[in-house]
Amino acid sequence: MGLILLEALGAGIVFILIIWWTMFSGRKRGELHEESEADDDAASSEEPPRRD
């Protein structure tokens, strides 16, 4: 019984580590600030230049 609980604890720790790794491994300085997000939204809403 104790071995099953130990294995479940180990699996839970591995699960938490995988989630932690995927959440914080993308950007070097964490999440974007609100100013950067607002600039990105404004830039993406502009239409691209037309090629005639």
PDB file of N, CA and C in Angstrom:
ATOM      1  N   MET A   1       0.819  -1.194   0.000  1.00  0.00           N
ATOM      2  CA  MET A   1       0.000   0.000   0.000  1.00  0.00           C
ATOM      3  C   MET A   1       0.865   1.261   0.000  1.00  0.00           C
ATOM      4  N   GLY A   2       1.912   1.230   0.807  1.00  0.00           N
ATOM      5  CA  GLY A   2       2.810   2.385   0.873  1.00  0.00           C
ATOM      6  C   GLY A   2       3.522   2.636  -0.447  1.00  0.00           C
ATOM      7  N   LEU A   3       3.858   1.546  -1.156  1.00  0.00           N
ATOM      8  CA  LEU A   3       4.537   1.681  -2.442  1.00  0.00           C
ATOM      9  C   LEU A   3       3.622   2.346  -3.475  1.00  0.00           C
ATOM     10  N   ILE A   4       2.345   2.021  -3.446  1.00  0.00           N
ATOM     11  CA  ILE A   4       1.387   2.628  -4.378  1.00  0.00           C
ATOM     12  C   ILE A   4       1.259   4.126  -4.097  1.00  0.00           C
ATOM     13  N   LEU A   5       1.198   4.503  -2.825  1.00  0.00           N
ATOM     14  CA  LEU A   5       1.119   5.917  -2.477  1.00  0.00           C
ATOM     15  C   LEU A   5       2.385   6.671  -2.872  1.00  0.00           C
ATOM     16  N   LEU A   6       3.531   6.043  -2.696  1.00  0.00           N
ATOM     17  CA  LEU A   6       4.795   6.649  -3.095  1.00  0.00           C
ATOM     18  C   LEU A   6       4.848   6.843  -4.610  1.00  0.00           C
ATOM     19  N   GLU A   7       4.377   5.853  -5.350  1.00  0.00           N
ATOM     20  CA  GLU A   7       4.353   5.965  -6.807  1.00  0.00           C
ATOM     21  C   GLU A   7       3.383   7.065  -7.252  1.00  0.00           C
ATOM     22  N   ALA A   8       2.230   7.162  -6.608  1.00  0.00           N
ATOM     23  CA  ALA A   8       1.266   8.212  -6.942  1.00  0.00           C
ATOM     24  C   ALA A   8       1.848   9.590  -6.640  1.00  0.00           C
ATOM     25  N   LEU A   9       2.561   9.731  -5.534  1.00  0.00           N
ATOM     26  CA  LEU A   9       3.211  10.987  -5.188  1.00  0.00           C
ATOM     27  C   LEU A   9       4.261  11.353  -6.240  1.00  0.00           C
ATOM     28  N   GLY A  10       5.059  10.381  -6.644  1.00  0.00           N
ATOM     29  CA  GLY A  10       6.070  10.627  -7.687  1.00  0.00           C
ATOM     30  C   GLY A  10       5.445  11.052  -9.004  1.00  0.00           C
ATOM     31  N   ALA A  11       4.348  10.402  -9.394  1.00  0.00           N
ATOM     32  CA  ALA A  11       3.670  10.771 -10.635  1.00  0.00           C
ATOM     33  C   ALA A  11       3.093  12.180 -10.537  1.00  0.00           C
ATOM     34  N   GLY A  12       2.551  12.529  -9.378  1.00  0.00           N
ATOM     35  CA  GLY A  12       2.023  13.876  -9.188  1.00  0.00           C
ATOM     36  C   GLY A  12       3.112  14.931  -9.275  1.00  0.00           C
ATOM     37  N   ILE A  13       4.273  14.638  -8.697  1.00  0.00           N
ATOM     38  CA  ILE A  13       5.394  15.587  -8.756  1.00  0.00           C
ATOM     39  C   ILE A  13       5.871  15.761 -10.196  1.00  0.00           C
ATOM     40  N   VAL A  14       5.969  14.669 -10.937  1.00  0.00           N
ATOM     41  CA  VAL A  14       6.374  14.759 -12.348  1.00  0.00           C
ATOM     42  C   VAL A  14       5.351  15.570 -13.139  1.00  0.00           C
ATOM     43  N   PHE A  15       4.077  15.349 -12.877  1.00  0.00           N
ATOM     44  CA  PHE A  15       3.008  16.091 -13.549  1.00  0.00           C
ATOM     45  C   PHE A  15       3.137  17.589 -13.278  1.00  0.00           C
ATOM     46  N   ILE A  16       3.346  17.970 -12.022  1.00  0.00           N
ATOM     47  CA  ILE A  16       3.497  19.377 -11.658  1.00  0.00           C
ATOM     48  C   ILE A  16       4.740  19.975 -12.311  1.00  0.00           C
ATOM     49  N   LEU A  17       5.841  19.239 -12.355  1.00  0.00           N
ATOM     50  CA  LEU A  17       7.066  19.740 -12.986  1.00  0.00           C
ATOM     51  C   LEU A  17       6.880  19.965 -14.481  1.00  0.00           C
ATOM     52  N   ILE A  18       6.167  19.072 -15.149  1.00  0.00           N
ATOM     53  CA  ILE A  18       5.912  19.245 -16.584  1.00  0.00           C
ATOM     54  C   ILE A  18       5.073  20.495 -16.821  1.00  0.00           C
ATOM     55  N   ILE A  19       4.050  20.706 -16.016  1.00  0.00           N
ATOM     56  CA  ILE A  19       3.217  21.906 -16.161  1.00  0.00           C
ATOM     57  C   ILE A  19       4.041  23.156 -15.878  1.00  0.00           C
ATOM     58  N   TRP A  20       4.830  23.127 -14.829  1.00  0.00           N
ATOM     59  CA  TRP A  20       5.677  24.269 -14.477  1.00  0.00           C
ATOM     60  C   TRP A  20       6.640  24.598 -15.622  1.00  0.00           C
ATOM     61  N   TRP A  21       7.250  23.577 -16.195  1.00  0.00           N
ATOM     62  CA  TRP A  21       8.211  23.766 -17.279  1.00  0.00           C
ATOM     63  C   TRP A  21       7.541  24.390 -18.499  1.00  0.00           C
ATOM     64  N   THR A  22       6.354  23.914 -18.862  1.00  0.00           N
ATOM     65  CA  THR A  22       5.688  24.440 -20.046  1.00  0.00           C
ATOM     66  C   THR A  22       5.140  25.847 -19.819  1.00  0.00           C
ATOM     67  N   MET A  23       4.818  26.198 -18.603  1.00  0.00           N
ATOM     68  CA  MET A  23       4.300  27.542 -18.336  1.00  0.00           C
ATOM     69  C   MET A  23       5.392  28.601 -18.405  1.00  0.00           C
ATOM     70  N   PHE A  24       6.579  28.310 -17.928  1.00  0.00           N
ATOM     71  CA  PHE A  24       7.591  29.338 -17.750  1.00  0.00           C
ATOM     72  C   PHE A  24       8.832  29.182 -18.627  1.00  0.00           C
ATOM     73  N   SER A  25       8.817  28.303 -19.611  1.00  0.00           N
ATOM     74  CA  SER A  25      10.015  28.133 -20.430  1.00  0.00           C
ATOM     75  C   SER A  25       9.976  28.930 -21.718  1.00  0.00           C
ATOM     76  N   GLY A  26       8.867  29.611 -22.031  1.00  0.00           N
ATOM     77  CA  GLY A  26       8.719  30.276 -23.320  1.00  0.00           C
ATOM     78  C   GLY A  26       9.475  31.578 -23.452  1.00  0.00           C
ATOM     79  N   ARG A  27       9.249  32.512 -22.552  1.00  0.00           N
ATOM     80  CA  ARG A  27       9.846  33.836 -22.657  1.00  0.00           C
ATOM     81  C   ARG A  27      10.926  34.006 -21.608  1.00  0.00           C
ATOM     82  N   LYS A  28      11.992  34.715 -21.992  1.00  0.00           N
ATOM     83  CA  LYS A  28      13.106  34.882 -21.072  1.00  0.00           C
ATOM     84  C   LYS A  28      12.763  35.775 -19.892  1.00  0.00           C
ATOM     85  N   ARG A  29      11.901  36.776 -20.099  1.00  0.00           N
ATOM     86  CA  ARG A  29      11.557  37.696 -19.011  1.00  0.00           C
ATOM     87  C   ARG A  29      10.107  37.539 -18.579  1.00  0.00           C
ATOM     88  N   GLY A  30       9.508  36.399 -18.793  1.00  0.00           N
ATOM     89  CA  GLY A  30       8.137  36.166 -18.343  1.00  0.00           C
ATOM     90  C   GLY A  30       7.106  36.681 -19.324  1.00  0.00           C
ATOM     91  N   GLU A  31       5.951  37.035 -18.807  1.00  0.00           N
ATOM     92  CA  GLU A  31       4.847  37.497 -19.631  1.00  0.00           C
ATOM     93  C   GLU A  31       5.095  38.911 -20.138  1.00  0.00           C
ATOM     94  N   LEU A  32       4.409  39.267 -21.228  1.00  0.00           N
ATOM     95  CA  LEU A  32       4.507  40.606 -21.770  1.00  0.00           C
ATOM     96  C   LEU A  32       3.788  41.594 -20.853  1.00  0.00           C
ATOM     97  N   HIS A  33       4.256  42.832 -20.857  1.00  0.00           N
ATOM     98  CA  HIS A  33       3.587  43.882 -20.103  1.00  0.00           C
ATOM     99  C   HIS A  33       2.396  44.384 -20.896  1.00  0.00           C
ATOM    100  N   GLU A  34       1.492  45.092 -20.248  1.00  0.00           N
ATOM    101  CA  GLU A  34       0.281  45.570 -20.913  1.00  0.00           C
ATOM    102  C   GLU A  34       0.595  46.523 -22.055  1.00  0.00           C
ATOM    103  N   GLU A  35       1.634  47.350 -21.927  1.00  0.00           N
ATOM    104  CA  GLU A  35       1.993  48.285 -22.991  1.00  0.00           C
ATOM    105  C   GLU A  35       2.392  47.533 -24.249  1.00  0.00           C
ATOM    106  N   SER A  36       3.178  46.480 -24.109  1.00  0.00           N
ATOM    107  CA  SER A  36       3.609  45.701 -25.261  1.00  0.00           C
ATOM    108  C   SER A  36       2.431  45.009 -25.922  1.00  0.00           C
ATOM    109  N   GLU A  37       1.504  44.503 -25.130  1.00  0.00           N
ATOM    110  CA  GLU A  37       0.332  43.835 -25.683  1.00  0.00           C
ATOM    111  C   GLU A  37      -0.540  44.826 -26.445  1.00  0.00           C
ATOM    112  N   ALA A  38      -0.684  46.049 -25.932  1.00  0.00           N
ATOM    113  CA  ALA A  38      -1.491  47.064 -26.600  1.00  0.00           C
ATOM    114  C   ALA A  38      -0.845  47.448 -27.933  1.00  0.00           C
ATOM    115  N   ASP A  39       0.475  47.556 -27.952  1.00  0.00           N
ATOM    116  CA  ASP A  39       1.173  47.869 -29.199  1.00  0.00           C
ATOM    117  C   ASP A  39       1.001  46.752 -30.215  1.00  0.00           C
ATOM    118  N   ASP A  40       1.071  45.519 -29.774  1.00  0.00           N
ATOM    119  CA  ASP A  40       0.908  44.380 -30.672  1.00  0.00           C
ATOM    120  C   ASP A  40      -0.501  44.334 -31.240  1.00  0.00           C
ATOM    121  N   ASP A  41      -1.504  44.615 -30.404  1.00  0.00           N
ATOM    122  CA  ASP A  41      -2.892  44.604 -30.869  1.00  0.00           C
ATOM    123  C   ASP A  41      -3.119  45.697 -31.901  1.00  0.00           C
ATOM    124  N   ALA A  42      -2.557  46.878 -31.685  1.00  0.00           N
ATOM    125  CA  ALA A  42      -2.729  47.979 -32.619  1.00  0.00           C
ATOM    126  C   ALA A  42      -2.048  47.666 -33.948  1.00  0.00           C
ATOM    127  N   ALA A  43      -0.885  47.052 -33.886  1.00  0.00           N
ATOM    128  CA  ALA A  43      -0.159  46.727 -35.113  1.00  0.00           C
ATOM    129  C   ALA A  43      -0.865  45.633 -35.904  1.00  0.00           C
ATOM    130  N   SER A  44      -1.470  44.690 -35.218  1.00  0.00           N
ATOM    131  CA  SER A  44      -2.116  43.586 -35.921  1.00  0.00           C
ATOM    132  C   SER A  44      -3.463  43.992 -36.505  1.00  0.00           C
ATOM    133  N   SER A  45      -4.073  45.088 -36.003  1.00  0.00           N
ATOM    134  CA  SER A  45      -5.374  45.502 -36.515  1.00  0.00           C
ATOM    135  C   SER A  45      -5.246  46.318 -37.798  1.00  0.00           C
ATOM    136  N   GLU A  46      -4.042  46.806 -38.094  1.00  0.00           N
ATOM    137  CA  GLU A  46      -3.842  47.549 -39.331  1.00  0.00           C
ATOM    138  C   GLU A  46      -3.865  46.594 -40.516  1.00  0.00           C
ATOM    139  N   GLU A  47      -4.396  47.104 -41.643  1.00  0.00           N
ATOM    140  CA  GLU A  47      -4.432  46.262 -42.830  1.00  0.00           C
ATOM    141  C   GLU A  47      -3.057  46.253 -43.488  1.00  0.00           C
ATOM    142  N   PRO A  48      -2.656  45.126 -44.036  1.00  0.00           N
ATOM    143  CA  PRO A  48      -1.365  45.086 -44.738  1.00  0.00           C
ATOM    144  C   PRO A  48      -1.445  45.883 -46.034  1.00  0.00           C
ATOM    145  N   PRO A  49      -0.323  46.364 -46.538  1.00  0.00           N
ATOM    146  CA  PRO A  49      -0.348  47.135 -47.782  1.00  0.00           C
ATOM    147  C   PRO A  49      -0.851  46.268 -48.940  1.00  0.00           C
ATOM    148  N   ARG A  50      -1.601  46.910 -49.824  1.00  0.00           N
ATOM    149  CA  ARG A  50      -2.166  46.178 -50.958  1.00  0.00           C
ATOM    150  C   ARG A  50      -1.163  46.142 -52.104  1.00  0.00           C
ATOM    151  N   ARG A  51      -1.113  45.030 -52.775  1.00  0.00           N
ATOM    152  CA  ARG A  51      -0.269  44.880 -53.959  1.00  0.00           C
ATOM    153  C   ARG A  51      -1.154  44.859 -55.185  1.00  0.00           C
ATOM    154  N   ASP A  52      -1.074  45.891 -55.987  1.00  0.00           N
ATOM    155  CA  ASP A  52      -1.899  45.944 -57.209  1.00  0.00           C
ATOM    156  C   ASP A  52      -1.087  45.648 -58.437  1.00  0.00           C
TER     157      ASP A  52
END
